[in-house]
Amino acid sequence: FTAGFTRPDSPDTLFVWQTAVSPLWQGVG
């Protein structure tokens, strides 16, 4: 998953809070 939010003072900016990928799925893009 990637958890993000739109910056309140900058609606054209996505702030990526956290990205996690299961070890099984790492390294495949």
PDB file of all heavy atoms in Angstrom:
ATOM      1  N   PHE A   1       0.835  -1.199   0.000  1.00  0.00           N
ATOM      2  CA  PHE A   1       0.000   0.000   0.000  1.00  0.00           C
ATOM      3  C   PHE A   1       0.863   1.239   0.000  1.00  0.00           C
ATOM      4  O   PHE A   1       2.032   1.209   0.400  1.00  0.00           O
ATOM      5  CB  PHE A   1      -0.974   0.024   1.191  1.00  0.00           C
ATOM      6  CG  PHE A   1      -0.318   0.319   2.517  1.00  0.00           C
ATOM      7  CD1 PHE A   1      -0.167   1.619   2.965  1.00  0.00           C
ATOM      8  CD2 PHE A   1       0.153  -0.711   3.316  1.00  0.00           C
ATOM      9  CE1 PHE A   1       0.451   1.892   4.186  1.00  0.00           C
ATOM     10  CE2 PHE A   1       0.754  -0.455   4.538  1.00  0.00           C
ATOM     11  CZ  PHE A   1       0.906   0.855   4.968  1.00  0.00           C
ATOM     12  N   THR A   2       0.267   2.322  -0.454  1.00  0.00           N
ATOM     13  CA  THR A   2       0.841   3.648  -0.309  1.00  0.00           C
ATOM     14  C   THR A   2      -0.231   4.520   0.311  1.00  0.00           C
ATOM     15  O   THR A   2      -1.336   4.641  -0.232  1.00  0.00           O
ATOM     16  CB  THR A   2       1.291   4.235  -1.659  1.00  0.00           C
ATOM     17  OG1 THR A   2       2.368   3.440  -2.168  1.00  0.00           O
ATOM     18  CG2 THR A   2       1.761   5.671  -1.509  1.00  0.00           C
ATOM     19  N   ALA A   3       0.082   5.077   1.465  1.00  0.00           N
ATOM     20  CA  ALA A   3      -0.819   5.984   2.161  1.00  0.00           C
ATOM     21  C   ALA A   3      -0.339   7.402   1.900  1.00  0.00           C
ATOM     22  O   ALA A   3       0.810   7.735   2.199  1.00  0.00           O
ATOM     23  CB  ALA A   3      -0.831   5.692   3.665  1.00  0.00           C
ATOM     24  N   GLY A   4      -1.202   8.209   1.311  1.00  0.00           N
ATOM     25  CA  GLY A   4      -0.834   9.573   1.006  1.00  0.00           C
ATOM     26  C   GLY A   4      -1.949  10.535   1.341  1.00  0.00           C
ATOM     27  O   GLY A   4      -3.075  10.122   1.644  1.00  0.00           O
ATOM     28  N   PHE A   5      -1.635  11.808   1.298  1.00  0.00           N
ATOM     29  CA  PHE A   5      -2.659  12.831   1.468  1.00  0.00           C
ATOM     30  C   PHE A   5      -2.298  14.028   0.616  1.00  0.00           C
ATOM     31  O   PHE A   5      -1.133  14.240   0.262  1.00  0.00           O
ATOM     32  CB  PHE A   5      -2.848  13.230   2.939  1.00  0.00           C
ATOM     33  CG  PHE A   5      -1.643  13.838   3.598  1.00  0.00           C
ATOM     34  CD1 PHE A   5      -1.406  15.201   3.524  1.00  0.00           C
ATOM     35  CD2 PHE A   5      -0.753  13.051   4.316  1.00  0.00           C
ATOM     36  CE1 PHE A   5      -0.295  15.772   4.150  1.00  0.00           C
ATOM     37  CE2 PHE A   5       0.351  13.604   4.949  1.00  0.00           C
ATOM     38  CZ  PHE A   5       0.582  14.969   4.859  1.00  0.00           C
ATOM     39  N   THR A   6      -3.315  14.783   0.266  1.00  0.00           N
ATOM     40  CA  THR A   6      -3.109  16.010  -0.487  1.00  0.00           C
ATOM     41  C   THR A   6      -2.746  17.110   0.502  1.00  0.00           C
ATOM     42  O   THR A   6      -3.433  17.292   1.507  1.00  0.00           O
ATOM     43  CB  THR A   6      -4.390  16.396  -1.255  1.00  0.00           C
ATOM     44  OG1 THR A   6      -4.725  15.312  -2.115  1.00  0.00           O
ATOM     45  CG2 THR A   6      -4.169  17.642  -2.080  1.00  0.00           C
ATOM     46  N   ARG A   7      -1.662  17.808   0.215  1.00  0.00           N
ATOM     47  CA  ARG A   7      -1.241  18.891   1.095  1.00  0.00           C
ATOM     48  C   ARG A   7      -2.329  19.950   1.166  1.00  0.00           C
ATOM     49  O   ARG A   7      -2.745  20.485   0.134  1.00  0.00           O
ATOM     50  CB  ARG A   7       0.049  19.529   0.581  1.00  0.00           C
ATOM     51  CG  ARG A   7       1.310  18.682   0.651  1.00  0.00           C
ATOM     52  CD  ARG A   7       2.069  18.846   1.950  1.00  0.00           C
ATOM     53  NE  ARG A   7       2.225  20.202   2.389  1.00  0.00           N
ATOM     54  CZ  ARG A   7       3.218  21.026   2.031  1.00  0.00           C
ATOM     55  NH1 ARG A   7       4.153  20.619   1.221  1.00  0.00           N
ATOM     56  NH2 ARG A   7       3.268  22.253   2.503  1.00  0.00           N
ATOM     57  N   PRO A   8      -2.820  20.284   2.360  1.00  0.00           N
ATOM     58  CA  PRO A   8      -3.909  21.268   2.480  1.00  0.00           C
ATOM     59  C   PRO A   8      -3.587  22.618   1.850  1.00  0.00           C
ATOM     60  O   PRO A   8      -4.455  23.244   1.253  1.00  0.00           O
ATOM     61  CB  PRO A   8      -4.112  21.406   3.991  1.00  0.00           C
ATOM     62  CG  PRO A   8      -3.583  20.145   4.560  1.00  0.00           C
ATOM     63  CD  PRO A   8      -2.453  19.720   3.655  1.00  0.00           C
ATOM     64  N   ASP A   9      -2.347  23.057   1.960  1.00  0.00           N
ATOM     65  CA  ASP A   9      -1.982  24.361   1.404  1.00  0.00           C
ATOM     66  C   ASP A   9      -1.429  24.259  -0.013  1.00  0.00           C
ATOM     67  O   ASP A   9      -1.003  25.258  -0.584  1.00  0.00           O
ATOM     68  CB  ASP A   9      -0.978  25.076   2.316  1.00  0.00           C
ATOM     69  CG  ASP A   9       0.326  24.299   2.463  1.00  0.00           C
ATOM     70  OD1 ASP A   9       0.355  23.092   2.120  1.00  0.00           O
ATOM     71  OD2 ASP A   9       1.314  24.889   2.924  1.00  0.00           O
ATOM     72  N   SER A  10      -1.437  23.043  -0.578  1.00  0.00           N
ATOM     73  CA  SER A  10      -0.891  22.832  -1.910  1.00  0.00           C
ATOM     74  C   SER A  10      -1.632  21.657  -2.570  1.00  0.00           C
ATOM     75  O   SER A  10      -1.134  20.538  -2.594  1.00  0.00           O
ATOM     76  CB  SER A  10       0.614  22.541  -1.793  1.00  0.00           C
ATOM     77  OG  SER A  10       1.205  22.436  -3.052  1.00  0.00           O
ATOM     78  N   PRO A  11      -2.827  21.899  -3.110  1.00  0.00           N
ATOM     79  CA  PRO A  11      -3.650  20.808  -3.626  1.00  0.00           C
ATOM     80  C   PRO A  11      -3.055  20.057  -4.816  1.00  0.00           C
ATOM     81  O   PRO A  11      -3.552  18.989  -5.166  1.00  0.00           O
ATOM     82  CB  PRO A  11      -4.967  21.486  -4.001  1.00  0.00           C
ATOM     83  CG  PRO A  11      -4.690  22.933  -4.047  1.00  0.00           C
ATOM     84  CD  PRO A  11      -3.480  23.194  -3.198  1.00  0.00           C
ATOM     85  N   ASP A  12      -1.978  20.576  -5.394  1.00  0.00           N
ATOM     86  CA  ASP A  12      -1.335  19.856  -6.496  1.00  0.00           C
ATOM     87  C   ASP A  12      -0.193  18.970  -6.017  1.00  0.00           C
ATOM     88  O   ASP A  12       0.557  18.417  -6.811  1.00  0.00           O
ATOM     89  CB  ASP A  12      -0.837  20.829  -7.565  1.00  0.00           C
ATOM     90  CG  ASP A  12       0.273  21.765  -7.081  1.00  0.00           C
ATOM     91  OD1 ASP A  12       0.516  21.840  -5.856  1.00  0.00           O
ATOM     92  OD2 ASP A  12       0.882  22.435  -7.933  1.00  0.00           O
ATOM     93  N   THR A  13      -0.063  18.813  -4.678  1.00  0.00           N
ATOM     94  CA  THR A  13       1.028  18.032  -4.095  1.00  0.00           C
ATOM     95  C   THR A  13       0.487  16.837  -3.305  1.00  0.00           C
ATOM     96  O   THR A  13      -0.322  17.014  -2.395  1.00  0.00           O
ATOM     97  CB  THR A  13       1.897  18.912  -3.172  1.00  0.00           C
ATOM     98  OG1 THR A  13       2.419  19.999  -3.941  1.00  0.00           O
ATOM     99  CG2 THR A  13       3.044  18.118  -2.571  1.00  0.00           C
ATOM    100  N   LEU A  14       0.952  15.653  -3.661  1.00  0.00           N
ATOM    101  CA  LEU A  14       0.659  14.442  -2.905  1.00  0.00           C
ATOM    102  C   LEU A  14       1.800  14.222  -1.925  1.00  0.00           C
ATOM    103  O   LEU A  14       2.960  14.150  -2.337  1.00  0.00           O
ATOM    104  CB  LEU A  14       0.548  13.222  -3.824  1.00  0.00           C
ATOM    105  CG  LEU A  14       0.385  11.887  -3.087  1.00  0.00           C
ATOM    106  CD1 LEU A  14      -1.009  11.769  -2.479  1.00  0.00           C
ATOM    107  CD2 LEU A  14       0.670  10.719  -4.022  1.00  0.00           C
ATOM    108  N   PHE A  15       1.477  14.138  -0.644  1.00  0.00           N
ATOM    109  CA  PHE A  15       2.476  13.779   0.349  1.00  0.00           C
ATOM    110  C   PHE A  15       2.329  12.287   0.610  1.00  0.00           C
ATOM    111  O   PHE A  15       1.259  11.826   1.005  1.00  0.00           O
ATOM    112  CB  PHE A  15       2.312  14.566   1.650  1.00  0.00           C
ATOM    113  CG  PHE A  15       3.450  14.312   2.598  1.00  0.00           C
ATOM    114  CD1 PHE A  15       4.577  15.116   2.572  1.00  0.00           C
ATOM    115  CD2 PHE A  15       3.416  13.233   3.473  1.00  0.00           C
ATOM    116  CE1 PHE A  15       5.652  14.850   3.418  1.00  0.00           C
ATOM    117  CE2 PHE A  15       4.486  12.972   4.315  1.00  0.00           C
ATOM    118  CZ  PHE A  15       5.608  13.784   4.288  1.00  0.00           C
ATOM    119  N   VAL A  16       3.394  11.537   0.367  1.00  0.00           N
ATOM    120  CA  VAL A  16       3.393  10.093   0.609  1.00  0.00           C
ATOM    121  C   VAL A  16       3.798   9.874   2.058  1.00  0.00           C
ATOM    122  O   VAL A  16       4.940  10.129   2.441  1.00  0.00           O
ATOM    123  CB  VAL A  16       4.337   9.354  -0.353  1.00  0.00           C
ATOM    124  CG1 VAL A  16       4.419   7.875  -0.001  1.00  0.00           C
ATOM    125  CG2 VAL A  16       3.882   9.547  -1.791  1.00  0.00           C
ATOM    126  N   TRP A  17       2.844   9.440   2.856  1.00  0.00           N
ATOM    127  CA  TRP A  17       3.087   9.210   4.274  1.00  0.00           C
ATOM    128  C   TRP A  17       3.844   7.909   4.492  1.00  0.00           C
ATOM    129  O   TRP A  17       4.802   7.843   5.260  1.00  0.00           O
ATOM    130  CB  TRP A  17       1.760   9.185   5.037  1.00  0.00           C
ATOM    131  CG  TRP A  17       1.937   8.861   6.473  1.00  0.00           C
ATOM    132  CD1 TRP A  17       1.757   7.647   7.084  1.00  0.00           C
ATOM    133  CD2 TRP A  17       2.399   9.751   7.490  1.00  0.00           C
ATOM    134  NE1 TRP A  17       2.053   7.740   8.420  1.00  0.00           N
ATOM    135  CE2 TRP A  17       2.455   9.023   8.683  1.00  0.00           C
ATOM    136  CE3 TRP A  17       2.753  11.091   7.492  1.00  0.00           C
ATOM    137  CZ2 TRP A  17       2.848   9.601   9.880  1.00  0.00           C
ATOM    138  CZ3 TRP A  17       3.152  11.645   8.680  1.00  0.00           C
ATOM    139  CH2 TRP A  17       3.195  10.909   9.863  1.00  0.00           C
ATOM    140  N   GLN A  18       3.397   6.852   3.823  1.00  0.00           N
ATOM    141  CA  GLN A  18       4.006   5.545   4.075  1.00  0.00           C
ATOM    142  C   GLN A  18       3.750   4.636   2.881  1.00  0.00           C
ATOM    143  O   GLN A  18       2.654   4.620   2.325  1.00  0.00           O
ATOM    144  CB  GLN A  18       3.366   4.944   5.330  1.00  0.00           C
ATOM    145  CG  GLN A  18       4.162   3.896   6.019  1.00  0.00           C
ATOM    146  CD  GLN A  18       3.595   3.597   7.405  1.00  0.00           C
ATOM    147  OE1 GLN A  18       2.399   3.414   7.575  1.00  0.00           O
ATOM    148  NE2 GLN A  18       4.470   3.533   8.394  1.00  0.00           N
ATOM    149  N   THR A  19       4.779   3.905   2.487  1.00  0.00           N
ATOM    150  CA  THR A  19       4.647   2.856   1.474  1.00  0.00           C
ATOM    151  C   THR A  19       5.213   1.589   2.066  1.00  0.00           C
ATOM    152  O   THR A  19       6.315   1.599   2.624  1.00  0.00           O
ATOM    153  CB  THR A  19       5.415   3.217   0.185  1.00  0.00           C
ATOM    154  OG1 THR A  19       4.815   4.381  -0.396  1.00  0.00           O
ATOM    155  CG2 THR A  19       5.364   2.081  -0.823  1.00  0.00           C
ATOM    156  N   ALA A  20       4.454   0.521   1.957  1.00  0.00           N
ATOM    157  CA  ALA A  20       4.915  -0.779   2.440  1.00  0.00           C
ATOM    158  C   ALA A  20       4.590  -1.824   1.379  1.00  0.00           C
ATOM    159  O   ALA A  20       3.511  -1.791   0.777  1.00  0.00           O
ATOM    160  CB  ALA A  20       4.234  -1.138   3.761  1.00  0.00           C
ATOM    161  N   VAL A  21       5.532  -2.723   1.164  1.00  0.00           N
ATOM    162  CA  VAL A  21       5.350  -3.816   0.218  1.00  0.00           C
ATOM    163  C   VAL A  21       5.749  -5.102   0.924  1.00  0.00           C
ATOM    164  O   VAL A  21       6.805  -5.170   1.556  1.00  0.00           O
ATOM    165  CB  VAL A  21       6.195  -3.609  -1.064  1.00  0.00           C
ATOM    166  CG1 VAL A  21       6.088  -4.805  -1.999  1.00  0.00           C
ATOM    167  CG2 VAL A  21       5.761  -2.333  -1.791  1.00  0.00           C
ATOM    168  N   SER A  22       4.907  -6.103   0.807  1.00  0.00           N
ATOM    169  CA  SER A  22       5.192  -7.412   1.391  1.00  0.00           C
ATOM    170  C   SER A  22       6.521  -7.930   0.855  1.00  0.00           C
ATOM    171  O   SER A  22       6.833  -7.737  -0.327  1.00  0.00           O
ATOM    172  CB  SER A  22       4.064  -8.379   1.023  1.00  0.00           C
ATOM    173  OG  SER A  22       4.446  -9.710   1.253  1.00  0.00           O
ATOM    174  N   PRO A  23       7.317  -8.608   1.685  1.00  0.00           N
ATOM    175  CA  PRO A  23       8.586  -9.158   1.193  1.00  0.00           C
ATOM    176  C   PRO A  23       8.426 -10.017  -0.059  1.00  0.00           C
ATOM    177  O   PRO A  23       9.280 -10.028  -0.931  1.00  0.00           O
ATOM    178  CB  PRO A  23       9.101  -9.993   2.370  1.00  0.00           C
ATOM    179  CG  PRO A  23       8.486  -9.355   3.573  1.00  0.00           C
ATOM    180  CD  PRO A  23       7.131  -8.863   3.113  1.00  0.00           C
ATOM    181  N   LEU A  24       7.320 -10.721  -0.174  1.00  0.00           N
ATOM    182  CA  LEU A  24       7.063 -11.556  -1.343  1.00  0.00           C
ATOM    183  C   LEU A  24       6.983 -10.738  -2.623  1.00  0.00           C
ATOM    184  O   LEU A  24       7.303 -11.222  -3.699  1.00  0.00           O
ATOM    185  CB  LEU A  24       5.754 -12.334  -1.140  1.00  0.00           C
ATOM    186  CG  LEU A  24       5.299 -13.201  -2.300  1.00  0.00           C
ATOM    187  CD1 LEU A  24       6.292 -14.351  -2.514  1.00  0.00           C
ATOM    188  CD2 LEU A  24       3.919 -13.753  -2.048  1.00  0.00           C
ATOM    189  N   TRP A  25       6.561  -9.489  -2.507  1.00  0.00           N
ATOM    190  CA  TRP A  25       6.339  -8.652  -3.677  1.00  0.00           C
ATOM    191  C   TRP A  25       7.408  -7.592  -3.886  1.00  0.00           C
ATOM    192  O   TRP A  25       7.298  -6.771  -4.794  1.00  0.00           O
ATOM    193  CB  TRP A  25       4.959  -8.001  -3.560  1.00  0.00           C
ATOM    194  CG  TRP A  25       3.881  -9.012  -3.722  1.00  0.00           C
ATOM    195  CD1 TRP A  25       3.276  -9.738  -2.738  1.00  0.00           C
ATOM    196  CD2 TRP A  25       3.311  -9.452  -4.946  1.00  0.00           C
ATOM    197  NE1 TRP A  25       2.361 -10.594  -3.272  1.00  0.00           N
ATOM    198  CE2 TRP A  25       2.361 -10.437  -4.635  1.00  0.00           C
ATOM    199  CE3 TRP A  25       3.511  -9.109  -6.284  1.00  0.00           C
ATOM    200  CZ2 TRP A  25       1.609 -11.078  -5.615  1.00  0.00           C
ATOM    201  CZ3 TRP A  25       2.755  -9.741  -7.244  1.00  0.00           C
ATOM    202  CH2 TRP A  25       1.819 -10.714  -6.909  1.00  0.00           C
ATOM    203  N   GLN A  26       8.451  -7.601  -3.070  1.00  0.00           N
ATOM    204  CA  GLN A  26       9.520  -6.626  -3.247  1.00  0.00           C
ATOM    205  C   GLN A  26      10.386  -7.010  -4.440  1.00  0.00           C
ATOM    206  O   GLN A  26      10.573  -8.184  -4.741  1.00  0.00           O
ATOM    207  CB  GLN A  26      10.363  -6.530  -1.978  1.00  0.00           C
ATOM    208  CG  GLN A  26       9.587  -5.897  -0.842  1.00  0.00           C
ATOM    209  CD  GLN A  26      10.331  -5.889   0.470  1.00  0.00           C
ATOM    210  OE1 GLN A  26      11.488  -6.298   0.559  1.00  0.00           O
ATOM    211  NE2 GLN A  26       9.664  -5.425   1.519  1.00  0.00           N
ATOM    212  N   GLY A  27      10.891  -5.992  -5.115  1.00  0.00           N
ATOM    213  CA  GLY A  27      11.799  -6.221  -6.234  1.00  0.00           C
ATOM    214  C   GLY A  27      11.122  -6.460  -7.569  1.00  0.00           C
ATOM    215  O   GLY A  27      11.788  -6.786  -8.547  1.00  0.00           O
ATOM    216  N   VAL A  28       9.788  -6.309  -7.639  1.00  0.00           N
ATOM    217  CA  VAL A  28       9.090  -6.505  -8.914  1.00  0.00           C
ATOM    218  C   VAL A  28       8.426  -5.213  -9.396  1.00  0.00           C
ATOM    219  O   VAL A  28       7.596  -5.239 -10.299  1.00  0.00           O
ATOM    220  CB  VAL A  28       8.059  -7.667  -8.851  1.00  0.00           C
ATOM    221  CG1 VAL A  28       8.761  -8.993  -8.589  1.00  0.00           C
ATOM    222  CG2 VAL A  28       6.984  -7.407  -7.816  1.00  0.00           C
ATOM    223  N   GLY A  29       8.785  -4.080  -8.796  1.00  0.00           N
ATOM    224  CA  GLY A  29       8.288  -2.784  -9.251  1.00  0.00           C
ATOM    225  C   GLY A  29       6.916  -2.393  -8.734  1.00  0.00           C
ATOM    226  O   GLY A  29       6.298  -1.461  -9.245  1.00  0.00           O
TER     227      GLY A  29
END
